[in-house]
Amino acid sequence: MIAAMETDDGGARTHDGGPVGGGGHVGDAGALALAVAEARAGRAEGGIPIGAALVVDGEVLAVGRNRRVQDGSAIRHGETDCLENAGRLPARVYARATMVTTLSPCDMCTGAILLYNIPRVVIGENRTFYGGEDLLRARGVEVVVVDDAGCAAMMREFIAEEPGLWNEDIGEQD
């Protein structure tokens, strides 16, 4: 665990500064499970069900969820919230990181991944929204699409229930 990221109990941080929990090393599936839990928590709060986890050397540094509705924010998508929760990190840490997200990253989140030179992105699903994956690949980022049926179902349900909110989140007009 990176010292700058440790909480009082040595774990990674959530959006409210609390520990992620679980400890130990996680693979892609474990990190995606944490991102899904964040997405579900965000939806339960009345927000948009997109979650993310930042993993370095098998350790989860932070998780996040789309908090645009909850915080009245223009930029708190799942990935950007996760990066914010991780706090300032040296470039050498990002260079070993994987961003795990429940949904294909939008242009803004793609830009953040590129800005910090995160070399690997794991995407839960890209059926309901296909974001900046081609740009990520063109810039040398390894993109892994899990095509998780649960992630896709969660987004389809949300989009059917809240089409206006979804369009707002991706910058589309109603």
Protein backbone atom coordinates (compact mmCIF):
# COMPACT_ATOMS: atom_id res chain seq x y z
CA MET A 1 0.00 0.00 0.00
CA ILE A 2 1.27 3.45 -0.84
CA ALA A 3 1.85 5.45 2.31
CA ALA A 4 0.14 8.59 0.98
CA MET A 5 -3.02 6.60 0.40
CA GLU A 6 -3.29 4.79 3.68
CA THR A 7 -6.16 5.52 5.98
CA ASP A 8 -5.80 5.24 9.75
CA ASP A 9 -6.36 1.49 9.41
CA GLY A 10 -4.10 1.09 6.35
CA GLY A 11 -6.87 0.56 3.77
CA ALA A 12 -7.96 2.35 0.61
CA ARG A 13 -10.44 5.21 0.71
CA THR A 14 -14.05 5.54 -0.33
CA HIS A 15 -15.81 8.78 -1.31
CA ASP A 16 -16.39 9.67 2.32
CA GLY A 17 -12.82 8.89 3.40
CA GLY A 18 -13.73 5.56 4.96
CA PRO A 19 -11.83 2.37 4.23
CA VAL A 20 -12.68 0.20 1.22
CA GLY A 21 -12.26 -2.89 3.35
CA GLY A 22 -11.34 -6.44 2.45
CA GLY A 23 -7.57 -5.92 2.37
CA GLY A 24 -5.19 -8.11 0.42
CA HIS A 25 -4.65 -8.28 -3.31
CA VAL A 26 -7.52 -8.12 -5.77
CA GLY A 27 -7.71 -9.14 -9.40
CA ASP A 28 -9.87 -7.60 -12.08
CA ALA A 29 -12.98 -9.47 -10.92
CA GLY A 30 -12.56 -8.34 -7.32
CA ALA A 31 -11.96 -4.74 -8.34
CA LEU A 32 -14.99 -4.82 -10.64
CA ALA A 33 -17.08 -6.14 -7.74
CA LEU A 34 -16.01 -3.09 -5.69
CA ALA A 35 -16.88 -0.78 -8.59
CA VAL A 36 -20.30 -2.44 -8.94
CA ALA A 37 -20.93 -1.97 -5.20
CA GLU A 38 -20.10 1.73 -5.62
CA ALA A 39 -22.45 1.98 -8.61
CA ARG A 40 -25.29 0.39 -6.63
CA ALA A 41 -24.63 2.69 -3.67
CA GLY A 42 -24.76 5.69 -5.99
CA ARG A 43 -28.08 4.58 -7.45
CA ALA A 44 -29.49 4.02 -3.95
CA GLU A 45 -28.58 7.66 -3.22
CA GLY A 46 -30.58 8.79 -6.26
CA GLY A 47 -27.54 9.10 -8.49
CA ILE A 48 -26.23 7.49 -11.64
CA PRO A 49 -25.05 3.88 -11.21
CA ILE A 50 -21.45 4.06 -12.39
CA GLY A 51 -18.62 3.00 -10.11
CA ALA A 52 -14.85 2.73 -10.32
CA ALA A 53 -11.80 1.42 -8.49
CA LEU A 54 -8.15 2.40 -8.83
CA VAL A 55 -5.81 -0.56 -8.37
CA VAL A 56 -2.02 -0.53 -8.18
CA ASP A 57 -0.01 -3.72 -7.84
CA GLY A 58 -3.13 -5.61 -6.77
CA GLU A 59 -4.01 -3.12 -4.02
CA VAL A 60 -7.16 -1.02 -4.22
CA LEU A 61 -6.12 2.58 -3.56
CA ALA A 62 -9.57 4.12 -3.88
CA VAL A 63 -13.09 3.61 -5.13
CA GLY A 64 -15.61 6.10 -6.36
CA ARG A 65 -19.02 6.53 -7.91
CA ASN A 66 -20.82 9.01 -10.06
CA ARG A 67 -21.81 11.75 -7.59
CA ARG A 68 -23.07 14.44 -9.96
CA VAL A 69 -26.60 14.33 -8.56
CA GLN A 70 -25.65 13.87 -4.91
CA ASP A 71 -23.04 16.67 -4.92
CA GLY A 72 -24.57 18.92 -7.57
CA SER A 73 -21.29 18.46 -9.43
CA ALA A 74 -20.53 18.93 -13.10
CA ILE A 75 -17.56 16.54 -13.07
CA ARG A 76 -17.93 13.83 -10.40
CA HIS A 77 -18.22 10.79 -12.67
CA GLY A 78 -17.25 7.39 -11.27
CA GLU A 79 -13.67 7.55 -12.51
CA THR A 80 -13.06 11.18 -11.55
CA ASP A 81 -14.57 10.61 -8.10
CA CYS A 82 -12.27 7.62 -7.69
CA LEU A 83 -9.23 9.67 -8.69
CA GLU A 84 -10.26 12.42 -6.28
CA ASN A 85 -10.65 9.87 -3.49
CA ALA A 86 -7.16 8.54 -4.21
CA GLY A 87 -5.73 12.00 -3.61
CA ARG A 88 -2.48 13.29 -5.09
CA LEU A 89 -0.24 10.50 -6.28
CA PRO A 90 3.19 10.58 -7.89
CA ALA A 91 3.33 9.82 -11.62
CA ARG A 92 5.18 6.56 -10.92
CA VAL A 93 2.10 5.26 -9.08
CA TYR A 94 -0.32 6.06 -11.90
CA ALA A 95 2.14 4.37 -14.30
CA ARG A 96 1.39 1.04 -12.53
CA ALA A 97 -2.35 1.59 -12.10
CA THR A 98 -5.46 0.00 -13.49
CA MET A 99 -8.71 1.96 -13.58
CA VAL A 100 -11.65 -0.41 -13.23
CA THR A 101 -15.02 1.03 -14.19
CA THR A 102 -18.49 -0.40 -14.59
CA LEU A 103 -19.10 1.48 -17.86
CA SER A 104 -17.02 2.55 -20.84
CA PRO A 105 -15.42 5.89 -19.86
CA CYS A 106 -16.80 9.10 -21.32
CA ASP A 107 -14.56 11.68 -22.98
CA MET A 108 -13.90 13.48 -19.69
CA CYS A 109 -12.91 10.30 -17.85
CA THR A 110 -10.91 9.11 -20.85
CA GLY A 111 -9.01 12.40 -20.68
CA ALA A 112 -8.27 11.93 -16.99
CA ILE A 113 -6.97 8.41 -17.63
CA LEU A 114 -4.73 9.76 -20.39
CA LEU A 115 -3.62 12.78 -18.37
CA TYR A 116 -2.34 10.59 -15.56
CA ASN A 117 -0.90 7.98 -17.94
CA ILE A 118 -2.88 5.13 -16.43
CA PRO A 119 -1.80 2.23 -18.65
CA ARG A 120 -4.73 -0.16 -18.19
CA VAL A 121 -8.51 0.15 -18.02
CA VAL A 122 -10.96 -2.64 -17.20
CA ILE A 123 -14.52 -1.91 -18.33
CA GLY A 124 -17.56 -3.74 -16.97
CA GLU A 125 -19.62 -3.12 -20.09
CA ASN A 126 -19.78 -0.99 -23.22
CA ARG A 127 -23.13 -2.04 -24.72
CA THR A 128 -25.20 0.78 -23.25
CA PHE A 129 -22.50 3.41 -23.83
CA TYR A 130 -19.33 3.26 -25.89
CA GLY A 131 -16.99 5.96 -24.69
CA GLY A 132 -13.37 6.81 -25.44
CA GLU A 133 -12.07 3.28 -25.76
CA ASP A 134 -10.70 3.81 -29.27
CA LEU A 135 -8.75 6.88 -28.15
CA LEU A 136 -7.39 4.98 -25.14
CA ARG A 137 -6.21 2.14 -27.37
CA ALA A 138 -4.73 4.59 -29.91
CA ARG A 139 -2.71 6.15 -27.08
CA GLY A 140 -1.35 2.78 -25.94
CA VAL A 141 -3.69 2.04 -23.05
CA GLU A 142 -4.61 -1.60 -22.58
CA VAL A 143 -8.42 -1.78 -22.60
CA VAL A 144 -10.12 -4.91 -21.26
CA VAL A 145 -13.89 -5.17 -21.75
CA VAL A 146 -15.42 -7.73 -19.40
CA ASP A 147 -18.92 -7.49 -20.95
CA ASP A 148 -20.53 -8.13 -17.57
CA ALA A 149 -24.25 -8.83 -17.92
CA GLY A 150 -24.98 -7.37 -14.48
CA CYS A 151 -23.31 -4.06 -15.33
CA ALA A 152 -25.27 -3.87 -18.58
CA ALA A 153 -28.58 -4.69 -16.88
CA MET A 154 -27.97 -2.08 -14.18
CA MET A 155 -27.38 0.62 -16.82
CA ARG A 156 -30.30 -0.44 -19.04
CA GLU A 157 -32.64 -0.25 -16.05
CA PHE A 158 -31.32 3.17 -15.04
CA ILE A 159 -31.54 4.59 -18.57
CA ALA A 160 -35.14 3.35 -18.90
CA GLU A 161 -36.08 4.92 -15.54
CA GLU A 162 -34.15 8.20 -15.91
CA PRO A 163 -33.51 9.02 -19.59
CA GLY A 164 -33.24 12.77 -18.95
CA LEU A 165 -30.69 12.32 -16.18
CA TRP A 166 -28.71 9.90 -18.33
CA ASN A 167 -28.66 12.31 -21.26
CA GLU A 168 -27.50 15.09 -18.95
CA ASP A 169 -24.68 12.91 -17.65
CA ILE A 170 -23.33 12.13 -21.12
CA GLY A 171 -23.85 15.66 -22.47
CA GLU A 172 -26.78 14.83 -24.74
CA GLN A 173 -29.89 16.94 -25.17
CA ASP A 174 -33.25 15.43 -24.23
